[in-house]
Amino acid sequence: MPTPAHPATPTAQHRNPLHGLTLEAIVTALVAHYGWPGLGERIALRCFTHEPSVQSSLKFLRKTPWAREKVESLYLFMLREQRRSP
């Protein structure tokens, strides 16, 4: 039986807000919250500023780990902000 500290166990993932979310769901939620212009201001990526679409963004983010990390960080920030506001 795996220990709770092992990252593959369900107990280690139950507190991870990204667990079970697709990259598409994350990008869609960010666009719904900030809009493409707001997303492009927060993360200066061409896929968000020049003829943006979810599909083109996903294609780029899947190939670019550092950009994906920025998107995931902004998503977590957005969740924290939503929890703070009434």
PDB file of N, CA and C in Angstrom:
ATOM      1  N   MET A   1       0.835  -1.180   0.000  1.00  0.00           N
ATOM      2  CA  MET A   1       0.000   0.000   0.000  1.00  0.00           C
ATOM      3  C   MET A   1       0.885   1.250   0.000  1.00  0.00           C
ATOM      4  N   PRO A   2       0.624   2.224  -0.924  1.00  0.00           N
ATOM      5  CA  PRO A   2       1.469   3.411  -0.989  1.00  0.00           C
ATOM      6  C   PRO A   2       1.258   4.309   0.228  1.00  0.00           C
ATOM      7  N   THR A   3       2.297   5.014   0.582  1.00  0.00           N
ATOM      8  CA  THR A   3       2.199   5.942   1.709  1.00  0.00           C
ATOM      9  C   THR A   3       1.500   7.224   1.269  1.00  0.00           C
ATOM     10  N   PRO A   4       0.866   7.953   2.188  1.00  0.00           N
ATOM     11  CA  PRO A   4       0.169   9.192   1.835  1.00  0.00           C
ATOM     12  C   PRO A   4       1.084  10.256   1.228  1.00  0.00           C
ATOM     13  N   ALA A   5       2.386  10.188   1.491  1.00  0.00           N
ATOM     14  CA  ALA A   5       3.314  11.180   0.952  1.00  0.00           C
ATOM     15  C   ALA A   5       3.611  10.937  -0.528  1.00  0.00           C
ATOM     16  N   HIS A   6       3.285   9.772  -1.030  1.00  0.00           N
ATOM     17  CA  HIS A   6       3.550   9.453  -2.436  1.00  0.00           C
ATOM     18  C   HIS A   6       2.614  10.266  -3.327  1.00  0.00           C
ATOM     19  N   PRO A   7       3.147  11.001  -4.328  1.00  0.00           N
ATOM     20  CA  PRO A   7       2.317  11.894  -5.131  1.00  0.00           C
ATOM     21  C   PRO A   7       1.243  11.206  -5.965  1.00  0.00           C
ATOM     22  N   ALA A   8       1.362   9.910  -6.193  1.00  0.00           N
ATOM     23  CA  ALA A   8       0.381   9.221  -7.030  1.00  0.00           C
ATOM     24  C   ALA A   8      -0.853   8.765  -6.247  1.00  0.00           C
ATOM     25  N   THR A   9      -0.813   8.904  -4.943  1.00  0.00           N
ATOM     26  CA  THR A   9      -1.942   8.437  -4.154  1.00  0.00           C
ATOM     27  C   THR A   9      -3.087   9.440  -4.178  1.00  0.00           C
ATOM     28  N   PRO A  10      -4.316   8.968  -4.087  1.00  0.00           N
ATOM     29  CA  PRO A  10      -5.460   9.875  -4.084  1.00  0.00           C
ATOM     30  C   PRO A  10      -5.435  10.868  -2.927  1.00  0.00           C
ATOM     31  N   THR A  11      -4.895  10.472  -1.777  1.00  0.00           N
ATOM     32  CA  THR A  11      -4.870  11.380  -0.634  1.00  0.00           C
ATOM     33  C   THR A  11      -3.934  12.556  -0.892  1.00  0.00           C
ATOM     34  N   ALA A  12      -2.895  12.360  -1.684  1.00  0.00           N
ATOM     35  CA  ALA A  12      -1.979  13.453  -1.997  1.00  0.00           C
ATOM     36  C   ALA A  12      -2.592  14.404  -3.012  1.00  0.00           C
ATOM     37  N   GLN A  13      -3.518  13.940  -3.819  1.00  0.00           N
ATOM     38  CA  GLN A  13      -4.099  14.763  -4.866  1.00  0.00           C
ATOM     39  C   GLN A  13      -5.398  15.445  -4.464  1.00  0.00           C
ATOM     40  N   HIS A  14      -6.045  15.008  -3.407  1.00  0.00           N
ATOM     41  CA  HIS A  14      -7.364  15.555  -3.085  1.00  0.00           C
ATOM     42  C   HIS A  14      -7.322  17.047  -2.771  1.00  0.00           C
ATOM     43  N   ARG A  15      -6.182  17.584  -2.390  1.00  0.00           N
ATOM     44  CA  ARG A  15      -6.057  19.015  -2.101  1.00  0.00           C
ATOM     45  C   ARG A  15      -5.495  19.796  -3.279  1.00  0.00           C
ATOM     46  N   ASN A  16      -5.138  19.144  -4.352  1.00  0.00           N
ATOM     47  CA  ASN A  16      -4.592  19.805  -5.532  1.00  0.00           C
ATOM     48  C   ASN A  16      -5.746  20.316  -6.396  1.00  0.00           C
ATOM     49  N   PRO A  17      -5.933  21.645  -6.487  1.00  0.00           N
ATOM     50  CA  PRO A  17      -7.062  22.173  -7.258  1.00  0.00           C
ATOM     51  C   PRO A  17      -6.948  21.922  -8.763  1.00  0.00           C
ATOM     52  N   LEU A  18      -5.768  21.558  -9.242  1.00  0.00           N
ATOM     53  CA  LEU A  18      -5.598  21.268 -10.663  1.00  0.00           C
ATOM     54  C   LEU A  18      -5.882  19.805 -10.997  1.00  0.00           C
ATOM     55  N   HIS A  19      -5.965  18.973  -9.965  1.00  0.00           N
ATOM     56  CA  HIS A  19      -6.177  17.546 -10.192  1.00  0.00           C
ATOM     57  C   HIS A  19      -7.511  17.295 -10.894  1.00  0.00           C
ATOM     58  N   GLY A  20      -7.456  16.575 -11.989  1.00  0.00           N
ATOM     59  CA  GLY A  20      -8.661  16.213 -12.726  1.00  0.00           C
ATOM     60  C   GLY A  20      -9.095  17.264 -13.735  1.00  0.00           C
ATOM     61  N   LEU A  21      -8.437  18.420 -13.759  1.00  0.00           N
ATOM     62  CA  LEU A  21      -8.784  19.454 -14.728  1.00  0.00           C
ATOM     63  C   LEU A  21      -7.949  19.296 -15.989  1.00  0.00           C
ATOM     64  N   THR A  22      -8.588  19.514 -17.112  1.00  0.00           N
ATOM     65  CA  THR A  22      -7.839  19.510 -18.370  1.00  0.00           C
ATOM     66  C   THR A  22      -7.277  20.908 -18.602  1.00  0.00           C
ATOM     67  N   LEU A  23      -6.267  20.984 -19.429  1.00  0.00           N
ATOM     68  CA  LEU A  23      -5.708  22.277 -19.800  1.00  0.00           C
ATOM     69  C   LEU A  23      -6.766  23.120 -20.510  1.00  0.00           C
ATOM     70  N   GLU A  24      -7.606  22.473 -21.286  1.00  0.00           N
ATOM     71  CA  GLU A  24      -8.684  23.181 -21.972  1.00  0.00           C
ATOM     72  C   GLU A  24      -9.644  23.831 -20.966  1.00  0.00           C
ATOM     73  N   ALA A  25      -9.977  23.116 -19.908  1.00  0.00           N
ATOM     74  CA  ALA A  25     -10.870  23.666 -18.889  1.00  0.00           C
ATOM     75  C   ALA A  25     -10.226  24.867 -18.191  1.00  0.00           C
ATOM     76  N   ILE A  26      -8.926  24.793 -17.951  1.00  0.00           N
ATOM     77  CA  ILE A  26      -8.215  25.883 -17.296  1.00  0.00           C
ATOM     78  C   ILE A  26      -8.204  27.124 -18.183  1.00  0.00           C
ATOM     79  N   VAL A  27      -7.841  26.947 -19.455  1.00  0.00           N
ATOM     80  CA  VAL A  27      -7.790  28.076 -20.390  1.00  0.00           C
ATOM     81  C   VAL A  27      -9.186  28.674 -20.563  1.00  0.00           C
ATOM     82  N   THR A  28     -10.196  27.833 -20.703  1.00  0.00           N
ATOM     83  CA  THR A  28     -11.573  28.306 -20.874  1.00  0.00           C
ATOM     84  C   THR A  28     -12.030  29.119 -19.661  1.00  0.00           C
ATOM     85  N   ALA A  29     -11.696  28.653 -18.466  1.00  0.00           N
ATOM     86  CA  ALA A  29     -12.073  29.377 -17.245  1.00  0.00           C
ATOM     87  C   ALA A  29     -11.354  30.721 -17.162  1.00  0.00           C
ATOM     88  N   LEU A  30     -10.090  30.755 -17.539  1.00  0.00           N
ATOM     89  CA  LEU A  30      -9.339  32.010 -17.515  1.00  0.00           C
ATOM     90  C   LEU A  30      -9.905  33.016 -18.517  1.00  0.00           C
ATOM     91  N   VAL A  31     -10.255  32.534 -19.700  1.00  0.00           N
ATOM     92  CA  VAL A  31     -10.829  33.419 -20.714  1.00  0.00           C
ATOM     93  C   VAL A  31     -12.186  33.933 -20.249  1.00  0.00           C
ATOM     94  N   ALA A  32     -12.978  33.076 -19.633  1.00  0.00           N
ATOM     95  CA  ALA A  32     -14.284  33.493 -19.130  1.00  0.00           C
ATOM     96  C   ALA A  32     -14.132  34.556 -18.039  1.00  0.00           C
ATOM     97  N   HIS A  33     -13.106  34.430 -17.225  1.00  0.00           N
ATOM     98  CA  HIS A  33     -12.907  35.355 -16.112  1.00  0.00           C
ATOM     99  C   HIS A  33     -12.241  36.665 -16.553  1.00  0.00           C
ATOM    100  N   TYR A  34     -11.142  36.578 -17.319  1.00  0.00           N
ATOM    101  CA  TYR A  34     -10.363  37.748 -17.693  1.00  0.00           C
ATOM    102  C   TYR A  34     -10.644  38.258 -19.106  1.00  0.00           C
ATOM    103  N   GLY A  35     -11.138  37.381 -19.983  1.00  0.00           N
ATOM    104  CA  GLY A  35     -11.247  37.727 -21.400  1.00  0.00           C
ATOM    105  C   GLY A  35      -9.872  37.597 -22.052  1.00  0.00           C
ATOM    106  N   TRP A  36      -9.839  37.529 -23.371  1.00  0.00           N
ATOM    107  CA  TRP A  36      -8.552  37.400 -24.063  1.00  0.00           C
ATOM    108  C   TRP A  36      -7.633  38.590 -23.804  1.00  0.00           C
ATOM    109  N   PRO A  37      -8.160  39.841 -23.860  1.00  0.00           N
ATOM    110  CA  PRO A  37      -7.262  40.976 -23.594  1.00  0.00           C
ATOM    111  C   PRO A  37      -6.660  40.935 -22.188  1.00  0.00           C
ATOM    112  N   GLY A  38      -7.466  40.615 -21.195  1.00  0.00           N
ATOM    113  CA  GLY A  38      -6.978  40.540 -19.822  1.00  0.00           C
ATOM    114  C   GLY A  38      -5.983  39.412 -19.630  1.00  0.00           C
ATOM    115  N   LEU A  39      -6.228  38.309 -20.286  1.00  0.00           N
ATOM    116  CA  LEU A  39      -5.307  37.171 -20.202  1.00  0.00           C
ATOM    117  C   LEU A  39      -3.976  37.528 -20.856  1.00  0.00           C
ATOM    118  N   GLY A  40      -4.046  38.206 -22.005  1.00  0.00           N
ATOM    119  CA  GLY A  40      -2.825  38.633 -22.693  1.00  0.00           C
ATOM    120  C   GLY A  40      -2.028  39.656 -21.898  1.00  0.00           C
ATOM    121  N   GLU A  41      -2.711  40.483 -21.099  1.00  0.00           N
ATOM    122  CA  GLU A  41      -2.013  41.445 -20.240  1.00  0.00           C
ATOM    123  C   GLU A  41      -1.310  40.739 -19.093  1.00  0.00           C
ATOM    124  N   ARG A  42      -1.943  39.725 -18.549  1.00  0.00           N
ATOM    125  CA  ARG A  42      -1.371  39.028 -17.396  1.00  0.00           C
ATOM    126  C   ARG A  42      -0.268  38.050 -17.790  1.00  0.00           C
ATOM    127  N   ILE A  43      -0.425  37.412 -18.940  1.00  0.00           N
ATOM    128  CA  ILE A  43       0.594  36.489 -19.445  1.00  0.00           C
ATOM    129  C   ILE A  43       0.842  36.881 -20.901  1.00  0.00           C
ATOM    130  N   ALA A  44       1.966  37.528 -21.151  1.00  0.00           N
ATOM    131  CA  ALA A  44       2.260  38.052 -22.485  1.00  0.00           C
ATOM    132  C   ALA A  44       2.721  36.933 -23.421  1.00  0.00           C
ATOM    133  N   LEU A  45       1.743  36.225 -23.976  1.00  0.00           N
ATOM    134  CA  LEU A  45       2.015  35.172 -24.956  1.00  0.00           C
ATOM    135  C   LEU A  45       1.262  35.503 -26.232  1.00  0.00           C
ATOM    136  N   ARG A  46       1.894  35.279 -27.356  1.00  0.00           N
ATOM    137  CA  ARG A  46       1.260  35.568 -28.640  1.00  0.00           C
ATOM    138  C   ARG A  46      -0.052  34.820 -28.812  1.00  0.00           C
ATOM    139  N   CYS A  47      -0.133  33.618 -28.286  1.00  0.00           N
ATOM    140  CA  CYS A  47      -1.360  32.831 -28.446  1.00  0.00           C
ATOM    141  C   CYS A  47      -2.536  33.465 -27.719  1.00  0.00           C
ATOM    142  N   PHE A  48      -2.270  34.418 -26.806  1.00  0.00           N
ATOM    143  CA  PHE A  48      -3.334  35.126 -26.096  1.00  0.00           C
ATOM    144  C   PHE A  48      -3.585  36.524 -26.662  1.00  0.00           C
ATOM    145  N   THR A  49      -2.629  37.057 -27.437  1.00  0.00           N
ATOM    146  CA  THR A  49      -2.737  38.445 -27.886  1.00  0.00           C
ATOM    147  C   THR A  49      -2.996  38.617 -29.380  1.00  0.00           C
ATOM    148  N   HIS A  50      -2.615  37.671 -30.194  1.00  0.00           N
ATOM    149  CA  HIS A  50      -2.764  37.786 -31.647  1.00  0.00           C
ATOM    150  C   HIS A  50      -3.666  36.677 -32.171  1.00  0.00           C
ATOM    151  N   GLU A  51      -4.871  37.043 -32.552  1.00  0.00           N
ATOM    152  CA  GLU A  51      -5.877  36.092 -33.042  1.00  0.00           C
ATOM    153  C   GLU A  51      -6.021  34.902 -32.098  1.00  0.00           C
ATOM    154  N   PRO A  52      -6.376  35.177 -30.848  1.00  0.00           N
ATOM    155  CA  PRO A  52      -6.424  34.099 -29.854  1.00  0.00           C
ATOM    156  C   PRO A  52      -7.598  33.148 -30.063  1.00  0.00           C
ATOM    157  N   SER A  53      -7.362  31.901 -29.726  1.00  0.00           N
ATOM    158  CA  SER A  53      -8.415  30.889 -29.683  1.00  0.00           C
ATOM    159  C   SER A  53      -7.981  29.838 -28.675  1.00  0.00           C
ATOM    160  N   VAL A  54      -8.936  29.121 -28.171  1.00  0.00           N
ATOM    161  CA  VAL A  54      -8.620  28.070 -27.199  1.00  0.00           C
ATOM    162  C   VAL A  54      -7.733  27.016 -27.871  1.00  0.00           C
ATOM    163  N   GLN A  55      -8.077  26.631 -29.083  1.00  0.00           N
ATOM    164  CA  GLN A  55      -7.315  25.571 -29.769  1.00  0.00           C
ATOM    165  C   GLN A  55      -5.870  25.972 -30.012  1.00  0.00           C
ATOM    166  N   SER A  56      -5.630  27.201 -30.502  1.00  0.00           N
ATOM    167  CA  SER A  56      -4.246  27.621 -30.757  1.00  0.00           C
ATOM    168  C   SER A  56      -3.468  27.733 -29.445  1.00  0.00           C
ATOM    169  N   SER A  57      -4.142  28.189 -28.407  1.00  0.00           N
ATOM    170  CA  SER A  57      -3.486  28.293 -27.101  1.00  0.00           C
ATOM    171  C   SER A  57      -3.108  26.919 -26.573  1.00  0.00           C
ATOM    172  N   LEU A  58      -4.013  25.961 -26.688  1.00  0.00           N
ATOM    173  CA  LEU A  58      -3.728  24.606 -26.211  1.00  0.00           C
ATOM    174  C   LEU A  58      -2.551  24.004 -26.957  1.00  0.00           C
ATOM    175  N   LYS A  59      -2.512  24.213 -28.260  1.00  0.00           N
ATOM    176  CA  LYS A  59      -1.422  23.664 -29.076  1.00  0.00           C
ATOM    177  C   LYS A  59      -0.075  24.198 -28.583  1.00  0.00           C
ATOM    178  N   PHE A  60      -0.014  25.501 -28.328  1.00  0.00           N
ATOM    179  CA  PHE A  60       1.220  26.107 -27.848  1.00  0.00           C
ATOM    180  C   PHE A  60       1.549  25.656 -26.420  1.00  0.00           C
ATOM    181  N   LEU A  61       0.570  25.690 -25.534  1.00  0.00           N
ATOM    182  CA  LEU A  61       0.822  25.373 -24.122  1.00  0.00           C
ATOM    183  C   LEU A  61       1.230  23.918 -23.914  1.00  0.00           C
ATOM    184  N   ARG A  62       0.719  23.028 -24.738  1.00  0.00           N
ATOM    185  CA  ARG A  62       1.093  21.614 -24.593  1.00  0.00           C
ATOM    186  C   ARG A  62       2.544  21.374 -24.975  1.00  0.00           C
ATOM    187  N   LYS A  63       3.085  22.242 -25.821  1.00  0.00           N
ATOM    188  CA  LYS A  63       4.478  22.088 -26.263  1.00  0.00           C
ATOM    189  C   LYS A  63       5.455  22.900 -25.422  1.00  0.00           C
ATOM    190  N   THR A  64       4.942  23.788 -24.551  1.00  0.00           N
ATOM    191  CA  THR A  64       5.794  24.743 -23.854  1.00  0.00           C
ATOM    192  C   THR A  64       5.543  24.675 -22.344  1.00  0.00           C
ATOM    193  N   PRO A  65       6.307  23.844 -21.657  1.00  0.00           N
ATOM    194  CA  PRO A  65       6.071  23.640 -20.219  1.00  0.00           C
ATOM    195  C   PRO A  65       6.124  24.927 -19.382  1.00  0.00           C
ATOM    196  N   TRP A  66       7.051  25.837 -19.656  1.00  0.00           N
ATOM    197  CA  TRP A  66       7.146  27.061 -18.850  1.00  0.00           C
ATOM    198  C   TRP A  66       5.898  27.922 -19.011  1.00  0.00           C
ATOM    199  N   ALA A  67       5.321  27.953 -20.206  1.00  0.00           N
ATOM    200  CA  ALA A  67       4.105  28.739 -20.432  1.00  0.00           C
ATOM    201  C   ALA A  67       2.916  28.082 -19.740  1.00  0.00           C
ATOM    202  N   ARG A  68       2.876  26.758 -19.790  1.00  0.00           N
ATOM    203  CA  ARG A  68       1.793  26.039 -19.115  1.00  0.00           C
ATOM    204  C   ARG A  68       1.834  26.308 -17.610  1.00  0.00           C
ATOM    205  N   GLU A  69       3.034  26.347 -17.042  1.00  0.00           N
ATOM    206  CA  GLU A  69       3.174  26.638 -15.609  1.00  0.00           C
ATOM    207  C   GLU A  69       2.632  28.024 -15.272  1.00  0.00           C
ATOM    208  N   LYS A  70       2.884  29.005 -16.148  1.00  0.00           N
ATOM    209  CA  LYS A  70       2.363  30.358 -15.918  1.00  0.00           C
ATOM    210  C   LYS A  70       0.837  30.358 -15.953  1.00  0.00           C
ATOM    211  N   VAL A  71       0.263  29.619 -16.892  1.00  0.00           N
ATOM    212  CA  VAL A  71      -1.190  29.545 -17.013  1.00  0.00           C
ATOM    213  C   VAL A  71      -1.783  28.868 -15.782  1.00  0.00           C
ATOM    214  N   GLU A  72      -1.180  27.771 -15.339  1.00  0.00           N
ATOM    215  CA  GLU A  72      -1.672  27.078 -14.150  1.00  0.00           C
ATOM    216  C   GLU A  72      -1.543  27.962 -12.910  1.00  0.00           C
ATOM    217  N   SER A  73      -0.469  28.723 -12.805  1.00  0.00           N
ATOM    218  CA  SER A  73      -0.295  29.634 -11.667  1.00  0.00           C
ATOM    219  C   SER A  73      -1.351  30.725 -11.668  1.00  0.00           C
ATOM    220  N   LEU A  74      -1.637  31.282 -12.845  1.00  0.00           N
ATOM    221  CA  LEU A  74      -2.670  32.308 -12.927  1.00  0.00           C
ATOM    222  C   LEU A  74      -4.031  31.724 -12.577  1.00  0.00           C
ATOM    223  N   TYR A  75      -4.285  30.499 -12.973  1.00  0.00           N
ATOM    224  CA  TYR A  75      -5.554  29.841 -12.635  1.00  0.00           C
ATOM    225  C   TYR A  75      -5.687  29.691 -11.117  1.00  0.00           C
ATOM    226  N   LEU A  76      -4.619  29.261 -10.462  1.00  0.00           N
ATOM    227  CA  LEU A  76      -4.647  29.117  -9.000  1.00  0.00           C
ATOM    228  C   LEU A  76      -4.840  30.476  -8.330  1.00  0.00           C
ATOM    229  N   PHE A  77      -4.199  31.519  -8.864  1.00  0.00           N
ATOM    230  CA  PHE A  77      -4.384  32.875  -8.349  1.00  0.00           C
ATOM    231  C   PHE A  77      -5.845  33.299  -8.492  1.00  0.00           C
ATOM    232  N   MET A  78      -6.433  33.019  -9.643  1.00  0.00           N
ATOM    233  CA  MET A  78      -7.835  33.356  -9.895  1.00  0.00           C
ATOM    234  C   MET A  78      -8.746  32.657  -8.885  1.00  0.00           C
ATOM    235  N   LEU A  79      -8.482  31.389  -8.606  1.00  0.00           N
ATOM    236  CA  LEU A  79      -9.289  30.655  -7.622  1.00  0.00           C
ATOM    237  C   LEU A  79      -9.180  31.284  -6.239  1.00  0.00           C
ATOM    238  N   ARG A  80      -7.960  31.666  -5.840  1.00  0.00           N
ATOM    239  CA  ARG A  80      -7.766  32.304  -4.532  1.00  0.00           C
ATOM    240  C   ARG A  80      -8.517  33.628  -4.463  1.00  0.00           C
ATOM    241  N   GLU A  81      -8.456  34.406  -5.524  1.00  0.00           N
ATOM    242  CA  GLU A  81      -9.160  35.688  -5.561  1.00  0.00           C
ATOM    243  C   GLU A  81     -10.674  35.483  -5.487  1.00  0.00           C
ATOM    244  N   GLN A  82     -11.178  34.467  -6.162  1.00  0.00           N
ATOM    245  CA  GLN A  82     -12.608  34.195  -6.133  1.00  0.00           C
ATOM    246  C   GLN A  82     -13.064  33.779  -4.740  1.00  0.00           C
ATOM    247  N   ARG A  83     -12.230  33.040  -4.023  1.00  0.00           N
ATOM    248  CA  ARG A  83     -12.574  32.618  -2.664  1.00  0.00           C
ATOM    249  C   ARG A  83     -12.597  33.797  -1.704  1.00  0.00           C
ATOM    250  N   ARG A  84     -11.713  34.777  -1.937  1.00  0.00           N
ATOM    251  CA  ARG A  84     -11.642  35.946  -1.049  1.00  0.00           C
ATOM    252  C   ARG A  84     -12.806  36.894  -1.232  1.00  0.00           C
ATOM    253  N   SER A  85     -13.311  37.014  -2.451  1.00  0.00           N
ATOM    254  CA  SER A  85     -14.391  37.977  -2.691  1.00  0.00           C
ATOM    255  C   SER A  85     -15.730  37.359  -2.285  1.00  0.00           C
ATOM    256  N   PRO A  86     -16.624  38.192  -1.717  1.00  0.00           N
ATOM    257  CA  PRO A  86     -17.901  37.680  -1.195  1.00  0.00           C
ATOM    258  C   PRO A  86     -18.853  37.215  -2.274  1.00  0.00           C
TER     259      PRO A  86
END
